[in-house]
PDB file of N, CA and C in Angstrom:
ATOM      1  N   UNK A   1       0.273 -23.779  -5.221  1.00  0.00           N
ATOM      2  CA  UNK A   1       0.642 -22.940  -4.106  1.00  0.00           C
ATOM      3  C   UNK A   1       2.149 -22.659  -4.107  1.00  0.00           C
ATOM      4  N   UNK A   2       2.923 -23.650  -4.526  1.00  0.00           N
ATOM      5  CA  UNK A   2       4.368 -23.437  -4.575  1.00  0.00           C
ATOM      6  C   UNK A   2       4.732 -22.378  -5.617  1.00  0.00           C
ATOM      7  N   UNK A   3       4.036 -22.401  -6.733  1.00  0.00           N
ATOM      8  CA  UNK A   3       4.289 -21.410  -7.783  1.00  0.00           C
ATOM      9  C   UNK A   3       3.912 -20.011  -7.298  1.00  0.00           C
ATOM     10  N   UNK A   4       2.809 -19.908  -6.574  1.00  0.00           N
ATOM     11  CA  UNK A   4       2.390 -18.616  -6.039  1.00  0.00           C
ATOM     12  C   UNK A   4       3.421 -18.098  -5.043  1.00  0.00           C
ATOM     13  N   UNK A   5       3.928 -18.965  -4.189  1.00  0.00           N
ATOM     14  CA  UNK A   5       4.947 -18.553  -3.222  1.00  0.00           C
ATOM     15  C   UNK A   5       6.232 -18.128  -3.922  1.00  0.00           C
ATOM     16  N   UNK A   6       6.621 -18.848  -4.956  1.00  0.00           N
ATOM     17  CA  UNK A   6       7.818 -18.472  -5.712  1.00  0.00           C
ATOM     18  C   UNK A   6       7.628 -17.108  -6.368  1.00  0.00           C
ATOM     19  N   UNK A   7       6.447 -16.860  -6.903  1.00  0.00           N
ATOM     20  CA  UNK A   7       6.138 -15.571  -7.518  1.00  0.00           C
ATOM     21  C   UNK A   7       6.229 -14.456  -6.484  1.00  0.00           C
ATOM     22  N   UNK A   8       5.598 -14.656  -5.340  1.00  0.00           N
ATOM     23  CA  UNK A   8       5.612 -13.635  -4.285  1.00  0.00           C
ATOM     24  C   UNK A   8       7.024 -13.375  -3.773  1.00  0.00           C
ATOM     25  N   UNK A   9       7.827 -14.407  -3.687  1.00  0.00           N
ATOM     26  CA  UNK A   9       9.205 -14.250  -3.224  1.00  0.00           C
ATOM     27  C   UNK A   9      10.053 -13.447  -4.197  1.00  0.00           C
ATOM     28  N   UNK A  10       9.634 -13.382  -5.450  1.00  0.00           N
ATOM     29  CA  UNK A  10      10.386 -12.653  -6.469  1.00  0.00           C
ATOM     30  C   UNK A  10       9.971 -11.187  -6.555  1.00  0.00           C
ATOM     31  N   UNK A  11       9.034 -10.768  -5.692  1.00  0.00           N
ATOM     32  CA  UNK A  11       8.559  -9.383  -5.705  1.00  0.00           C
ATOM     33  C   UNK A  11       9.215  -8.574  -4.600  1.00  0.00           C
ATOM     34  N   UNK A  12       9.452  -7.325  -4.869  1.00  0.00           N
ATOM     35  CA  UNK A  12      10.039  -6.410  -3.893  1.00  0.00           C
ATOM     36  C   UNK A  12       9.009  -6.109  -2.802  1.00  0.00           C
ATOM     37  N   UNK A  13       9.395  -6.240  -1.530  1.00  0.00           N
ATOM     38  CA  UNK A  13       8.453  -5.936  -0.455  1.00  0.00           C
ATOM     39  C   UNK A  13       8.152  -4.439  -0.327  1.00  0.00           C
ATOM     40  N   UNK A  14       8.946  -3.610  -0.966  1.00  0.00           N
ATOM     41  CA  UNK A  14       8.721  -2.168  -0.884  1.00  0.00           C
ATOM     42  C   UNK A  14       7.831  -1.647  -2.005  1.00  0.00           C
ATOM     43  N   UNK A  15       8.180  -1.951  -3.250  1.00  0.00           N
ATOM     44  CA  UNK A  15       7.418  -1.395  -4.372  1.00  0.00           C
ATOM     45  C   UNK A  15       6.463  -2.386  -5.010  1.00  0.00           C
ATOM     46  N   UNK A  16       6.652  -3.676  -4.751  1.00  0.00           N
ATOM     47  CA  UNK A  16       5.774  -4.685  -5.332  1.00  0.00           C
ATOM     48  C   UNK A  16       6.177  -5.120  -6.732  1.00  0.00           C
ATOM     49  N   UNK A  17       7.205  -4.499  -7.278  1.00  0.00           N
ATOM     50  CA  UNK A  17       7.681  -4.875  -8.604  1.00  0.00           C
ATOM     51  C   UNK A  17       8.634  -6.055  -8.530  1.00  0.00           C
ATOM     52  N   UNK A  18       9.029  -6.567  -9.679  1.00  0.00           N
ATOM     53  CA  UNK A  18       9.978  -7.674  -9.701  1.00  0.00           C
ATOM     54  C   UNK A  18      11.327  -7.235  -9.116  1.00  0.00           C
ATOM     55  N   UNK A  19      11.849  -8.021  -8.186  1.00  0.00           N
ATOM     56  CA  UNK A  19      13.155  -7.715  -7.587  1.00  0.00           C
ATOM     57  C   UNK A  19      14.244  -7.625  -8.642  1.00  0.00           C
ATOM     58  N   UNK A  20      14.148  -8.458  -9.668  1.00  0.00           N
ATOM     59  CA  UNK A  20      15.177  -8.472 -10.711  1.00  0.00           C
ATOM     60  C   UNK A  20      15.239  -7.153 -11.475  1.00  0.00           C
ATOM     61  N   UNK A  21      14.155  -6.393 -11.462  1.00  0.00           N
ATOM     62  CA  UNK A  21      14.120  -5.108 -12.160  1.00  0.00           C
ATOM     63  C   UNK A  21      14.451  -3.958 -11.207  1.00  0.00           C
ATOM     64  N   UNK A  22      13.767  -3.918 -10.058  1.00  0.00           N
ATOM     65  CA  UNK A  22      13.926  -2.752  -9.184  1.00  0.00           C
ATOM     66  C   UNK A  22      15.237  -2.743  -8.413  1.00  0.00           C
ATOM     67  N   UNK A  23      15.946  -3.862  -8.350  1.00  0.00           N
ATOM     68  CA  UNK A  23      17.232  -3.885  -7.654  1.00  0.00           C
ATOM     69  C   UNK A  23      18.418  -4.038  -8.603  1.00  0.00           C
ATOM     70  N   UNK A  24      18.168  -4.070  -9.887  1.00  0.00           N
ATOM     71  CA  UNK A  24      19.246  -4.238 -10.865  1.00  0.00           C
ATOM     72  C   UNK A  24      20.135  -2.993 -10.875  1.00  0.00           C
ATOM     73  N   UNK A  25      21.440  -3.176 -10.742  1.00  0.00           N
ATOM     74  CA  UNK A  25      22.355  -2.026 -10.728  1.00  0.00           C
ATOM     75  C   UNK A  25      22.211  -1.132 -11.959  1.00  0.00           C
ATOM     76  N   UNK A  26      21.929  -1.726 -13.103  1.00  0.00           N
ATOM     77  CA  UNK A  26      21.803  -0.912 -14.322  1.00  0.00           C
ATOM     78  C   UNK A  26      20.558  -0.021 -14.318  1.00  0.00           C
ATOM     79  N   UNK A  27      19.625  -0.263 -13.387  1.00  0.00           N
ATOM     80  CA  UNK A  27      18.414   0.555 -13.311  1.00  0.00           C
ATOM     81  C   UNK A  27      18.503   1.661 -12.271  1.00  0.00           C
ATOM     82  N   UNK A  28      19.663   1.774 -11.608  1.00  0.00           N
ATOM     83  CA  UNK A  28      19.818   2.831 -10.608  1.00  0.00           C
ATOM     84  C   UNK A  28      19.605   4.193 -11.260  1.00  0.00           C
ATOM     85  N   UNK A  29      18.788   4.992 -10.638  1.00  0.00           N
ATOM     86  CA  UNK A  29      18.443   6.354 -11.084  1.00  0.00           C
ATOM     87  C   UNK A  29      17.617   6.393 -12.369  1.00  0.00           C
ATOM     88  N   UNK A  30      17.142   5.247 -12.845  1.00  0.00           N
ATOM     89  CA  UNK A  30      16.294   5.231 -14.041  1.00  0.00           C
ATOM     90  C   UNK A  30      14.811   5.371 -13.696  1.00  0.00           C
ATOM     91  N   UNK A  31      14.441   5.045 -12.450  1.00  0.00           N
ATOM     92  CA  UNK A  31      13.049   5.182 -12.042  1.00  0.00           C
ATOM     93  C   UNK A  31      12.763   6.637 -11.700  1.00  0.00           C
ATOM     94  N   UNK A  32      11.610   7.110 -12.100  1.00  0.00           N
ATOM     95  CA  UNK A  32      11.177   8.457 -11.770  1.00  0.00           C
ATOM     96  C   UNK A  32       9.810   8.358 -11.090  1.00  0.00           C
ATOM     97  N   UNK A  33       9.619   9.186 -10.095  1.00  0.00           N
ATOM     98  CA  UNK A  33       8.334   9.209  -9.393  1.00  0.00           C
ATOM     99  C   UNK A  33       7.259   9.856 -10.245  1.00  0.00           C
ATOM    100  N   UNK A  34       6.107   9.262 -10.252  1.00  0.00           N
ATOM    101  CA  UNK A  34       4.980   9.832 -10.996  1.00  0.00           C
ATOM    102  C   UNK A  34       4.182  10.782 -10.125  1.00  0.00           C
ATOM    103  N   UNK A  35       3.104  11.265 -10.645  1.00  0.00           N
ATOM    104  CA  UNK A  35       2.225  12.146  -9.895  1.00  0.00           C
ATOM    105  C   UNK A  35       1.500  11.343  -8.816  1.00  0.00           C
ATOM    106  N   UNK A  36       1.218  11.966  -7.690  1.00  0.00           N
ATOM    107  CA  UNK A  36       0.505  11.243  -6.637  1.00  0.00           C
ATOM    108  C   UNK A  36      -0.948  10.987  -7.031  1.00  0.00           C
ATOM    109  N   UNK A  37      -1.462   9.898  -6.541  1.00  0.00           N
ATOM    110  CA  UNK A  37      -2.881   9.592  -6.703  1.00  0.00           C
ATOM    111  C   UNK A  37      -3.447   9.363  -5.306  1.00  0.00           C
ATOM    112  N   UNK A  38      -4.723   9.529  -5.145  1.00  0.00           N
ATOM    113  CA  UNK A  38      -5.344   9.398  -3.836  1.00  0.00           C
ATOM    114  C   UNK A  38      -6.232   8.166  -3.791  1.00  0.00           C
ATOM    115  N   UNK A  39      -6.095   7.410  -2.708  1.00  0.00           N
ATOM    116  CA  UNK A  39      -7.019   6.312  -2.437  1.00  0.00           C
ATOM    117  C   UNK A  39      -8.190   6.913  -1.667  1.00  0.00           C
ATOM    118  N   UNK A  40      -9.329   7.004  -2.301  1.00  0.00           N
ATOM    119  CA  UNK A  40     -10.486   7.639  -1.680  1.00  0.00           C
ATOM    120  C   UNK A  40     -11.051   6.793  -0.543  1.00  0.00           C
ATOM    121  N   UNK A  41     -10.868   5.482  -0.611  1.00  0.00           N
ATOM    122  CA  UNK A  41     -11.314   4.616   0.482  1.00  0.00           C
ATOM    123  C   UNK A  41     -10.494   4.891   1.743  1.00  0.00           C
ATOM    124  N   UNK A  42      -9.179   5.055   1.596  1.00  0.00           N
ATOM    125  CA  UNK A  42      -8.335   5.364   2.746  1.00  0.00           C
ATOM    126  C   UNK A  42      -8.658   6.744   3.300  1.00  0.00           C
ATOM    127  N   UNK A  43      -8.933   7.702   2.430  1.00  0.00           N
ATOM    128  CA  UNK A  43      -9.322   9.035   2.879  1.00  0.00           C
ATOM    129  C   UNK A  43     -10.583   8.947   3.722  1.00  0.00           C
ATOM    130  N   UNK A  44     -11.569   8.172   3.286  1.00  0.00           N
ATOM    131  CA  UNK A  44     -12.808   8.008   4.047  1.00  0.00           C
ATOM    132  C   UNK A  44     -12.534   7.368   5.402  1.00  0.00           C
ATOM    133  N   UNK A  45     -11.638   6.375   5.448  1.00  0.00           N
ATOM    134  CA  UNK A  45     -11.281   5.745   6.728  1.00  0.00           C
ATOM    135  C   UNK A  45     -10.631   6.752   7.671  1.00  0.00           C
ATOM    136  N   UNK A  46      -9.729   7.565   7.141  1.00  0.00           N
ATOM    137  CA  UNK A  46      -9.033   8.547   7.968  1.00  0.00           C
ATOM    138  C   UNK A  46      -9.996   9.580   8.550  1.00  0.00           C
ATOM    139  N   UNK A  47     -10.949   9.994   7.765  1.00  0.00           N
ATOM    140  CA  UNK A  47     -11.952  10.953   8.236  1.00  0.00           C
ATOM    141  C   UNK A  47     -12.845  10.302   9.286  1.00  0.00           C
ATOM    142  N   UNK A  48     -13.258   9.059   9.042  1.00  0.00           N
ATOM    143  CA  UNK A  48     -14.174   8.369   9.946  1.00  0.00           C
ATOM    144  C   UNK A  48     -13.529   8.036  11.289  1.00  0.00           C
ATOM    145  N   UNK A  49     -12.223   7.882  11.348  1.00  0.00           N
ATOM    146  CA  UNK A  49     -11.541   7.514  12.589  1.00  0.00           C
ATOM    147  C   UNK A  49     -11.328   8.717  13.511  1.00  0.00           C
ATOM    148  N   UNK A  50     -11.399   9.915  12.980  1.00  0.00           N
ATOM    149  CA  UNK A  50     -11.132  11.128  13.766  1.00  0.00           C
ATOM    150  C   UNK A  50     -11.881  11.173  15.107  1.00  0.00           C
ATOM    151  N   UNK A  51     -13.195  10.902  15.140  1.00  0.00           N
ATOM    152  CA  UNK A  51     -13.905  10.995  16.431  1.00  0.00           C
ATOM    153  C   UNK A  51     -13.424   9.982  17.482  1.00  0.00           C
ATOM    154  N   UNK A  52     -12.724   8.949  17.066  1.00  0.00           N
ATOM    155  CA  UNK A  52     -12.288   7.896  17.980  1.00  0.00           C
ATOM    156  C   UNK A  52     -10.842   8.066  18.445  1.00  0.00           C
ATOM    157  N   UNK A  53     -10.170   9.099  17.976  1.00  0.00           N
ATOM    158  CA  UNK A  53      -8.744   9.248  18.272  1.00  0.00           C
ATOM    159  C   UNK A  53      -8.438   9.426  19.750  1.00  0.00           C
ATOM    160  N   UNK A  54      -9.390   9.814  20.549  1.00  0.00           N
ATOM    161  CA  UNK A  54      -9.165   9.960  21.982  1.00  0.00           C
ATOM    162  C   UNK A  54      -9.267   8.653  22.745  1.00  0.00           C
ATOM    163  N   UNK A  55      -9.759   7.627  22.100  1.00  0.00           N
ATOM    164  CA  UNK A  55      -9.924   6.338  22.759  1.00  0.00           C
ATOM    165  C   UNK A  55      -8.611   5.560  22.751  1.00  0.00           C
ATOM    166  N   UNK A  56      -8.403   4.742  23.791  1.00  0.00           N
ATOM    167  CA  UNK A  56      -7.193   3.920  23.804  1.00  0.00           C
ATOM    168  C   UNK A  56      -7.173   2.948  22.615  1.00  0.00           C
ATOM    169  N   UNK A  57      -6.024   2.796  22.039  1.00  0.00           N
ATOM    170  CA  UNK A  57      -5.814   1.842  20.942  1.00  0.00           C
ATOM    171  C   UNK A  57      -6.734   2.070  19.752  1.00  0.00           C
ATOM    172  N   UNK A  58      -7.024   3.306  19.462  1.00  0.00           N
ATOM    173  CA  UNK A  58      -7.914   3.600  18.324  1.00  0.00           C
ATOM    174  C   UNK A  58      -7.331   3.109  17.006  1.00  0.00           C
ATOM    175  N   UNK A  59      -6.017   2.915  16.967  1.00  0.00           N
ATOM    176  CA  UNK A  59      -5.380   2.425  15.736  1.00  0.00           C
ATOM    177  C   UNK A  59      -5.856   1.023  15.367  1.00  0.00           C
ATOM    178  N   UNK A  60      -6.388   0.293  16.350  1.00  0.00           N
ATOM    179  CA  UNK A  60      -6.852  -1.073  16.100  1.00  0.00           C
ATOM    180  C   UNK A  60      -8.275  -1.115  15.551  1.00  0.00           C
ATOM    181  N   UNK A  61      -8.953   0.004  15.534  1.00  0.00           N
ATOM    182  CA  UNK A  61     -10.316   0.023  14.990  1.00  0.00           C
ATOM    183  C   UNK A  61     -10.274  -0.142  13.477  1.00  0.00           C
ATOM    184  N   UNK A  62     -11.160  -0.959  12.977  1.00  0.00           N
ATOM    185  CA  UNK A  62     -11.253  -1.188  11.542  1.00  0.00           C
ATOM    186  C   UNK A  62     -12.552  -0.569  11.022  1.00  0.00           C
ATOM    187  N   UNK A  63     -12.427   0.320  10.095  1.00  0.00           N
ATOM    188  CA  UNK A  63     -13.587   0.984   9.504  1.00  0.00           C
ATOM    189  C   UNK A  63     -13.630   0.589   8.038  1.00  0.00           C
ATOM    190  N   UNK A  64     -14.719  -0.037   7.647  1.00  0.00           N
ATOM    191  CA  UNK A  64     -14.880  -0.471   6.253  1.00  0.00           C
ATOM    192  C   UNK A  64     -15.564   0.633   5.461  1.00  0.00           C
ATOM    193  N   UNK A  65     -14.879   1.201   4.495  1.00  0.00           N
ATOM    194  CA  UNK A  65     -15.513   2.249   3.691  1.00  0.00           C
ATOM    195  C   UNK A  65     -16.562   1.651   2.757  1.00  0.00           C
ATOM    196  N   UNK A  66     -17.580   2.429   2.506  1.00  0.00           N
ATOM    197  CA  UNK A  66     -18.643   1.986   1.612  1.00  0.00           C
ATOM    198  C   UNK A  66     -18.710   2.953   0.434  1.00  0.00           C
ATOM    199  N   UNK A  67     -18.817   2.404  -0.746  1.00  0.00           N
ATOM    200  CA  UNK A  67     -18.924   3.209  -1.943  1.00  0.00           C
ATOM    201  C   UNK A  67     -20.390   3.600  -2.135  1.00  0.00           C
ATOM    202  N   UNK A  68     -20.659   4.906  -2.169  1.00  0.00           N
ATOM    203  CA  UNK A  68     -22.040   5.371  -2.345  1.00  0.00           C
ATOM    204  C   UNK A  68     -22.198   5.951  -3.742  1.00  0.00           C
ATOM    205  N   UNK A  69     -23.426   6.049  -4.168  1.00  0.00           N
ATOM    206  CA  UNK A  69     -23.715   6.598  -5.500  1.00  0.00           C
ATOM    207  C   UNK A  69     -23.605   8.089  -5.519  1.00  0.00           C
TER     208      UNK A  69
END
């Protein structure tokens, strides 16, 4: 567990990459953004939540997407 915590502490909370790489001064402006990709599970959640948006605290609703054939 200590090793796992040490590993997690070495990761950037923003990008998830190693802090030693993403914050290194020599890497400034070397990263380039790639093409966007879509999380289809999140898209399904966003669509499914629409009918509930008028309810109080609808942001707290959890909708589990299901993968269909």
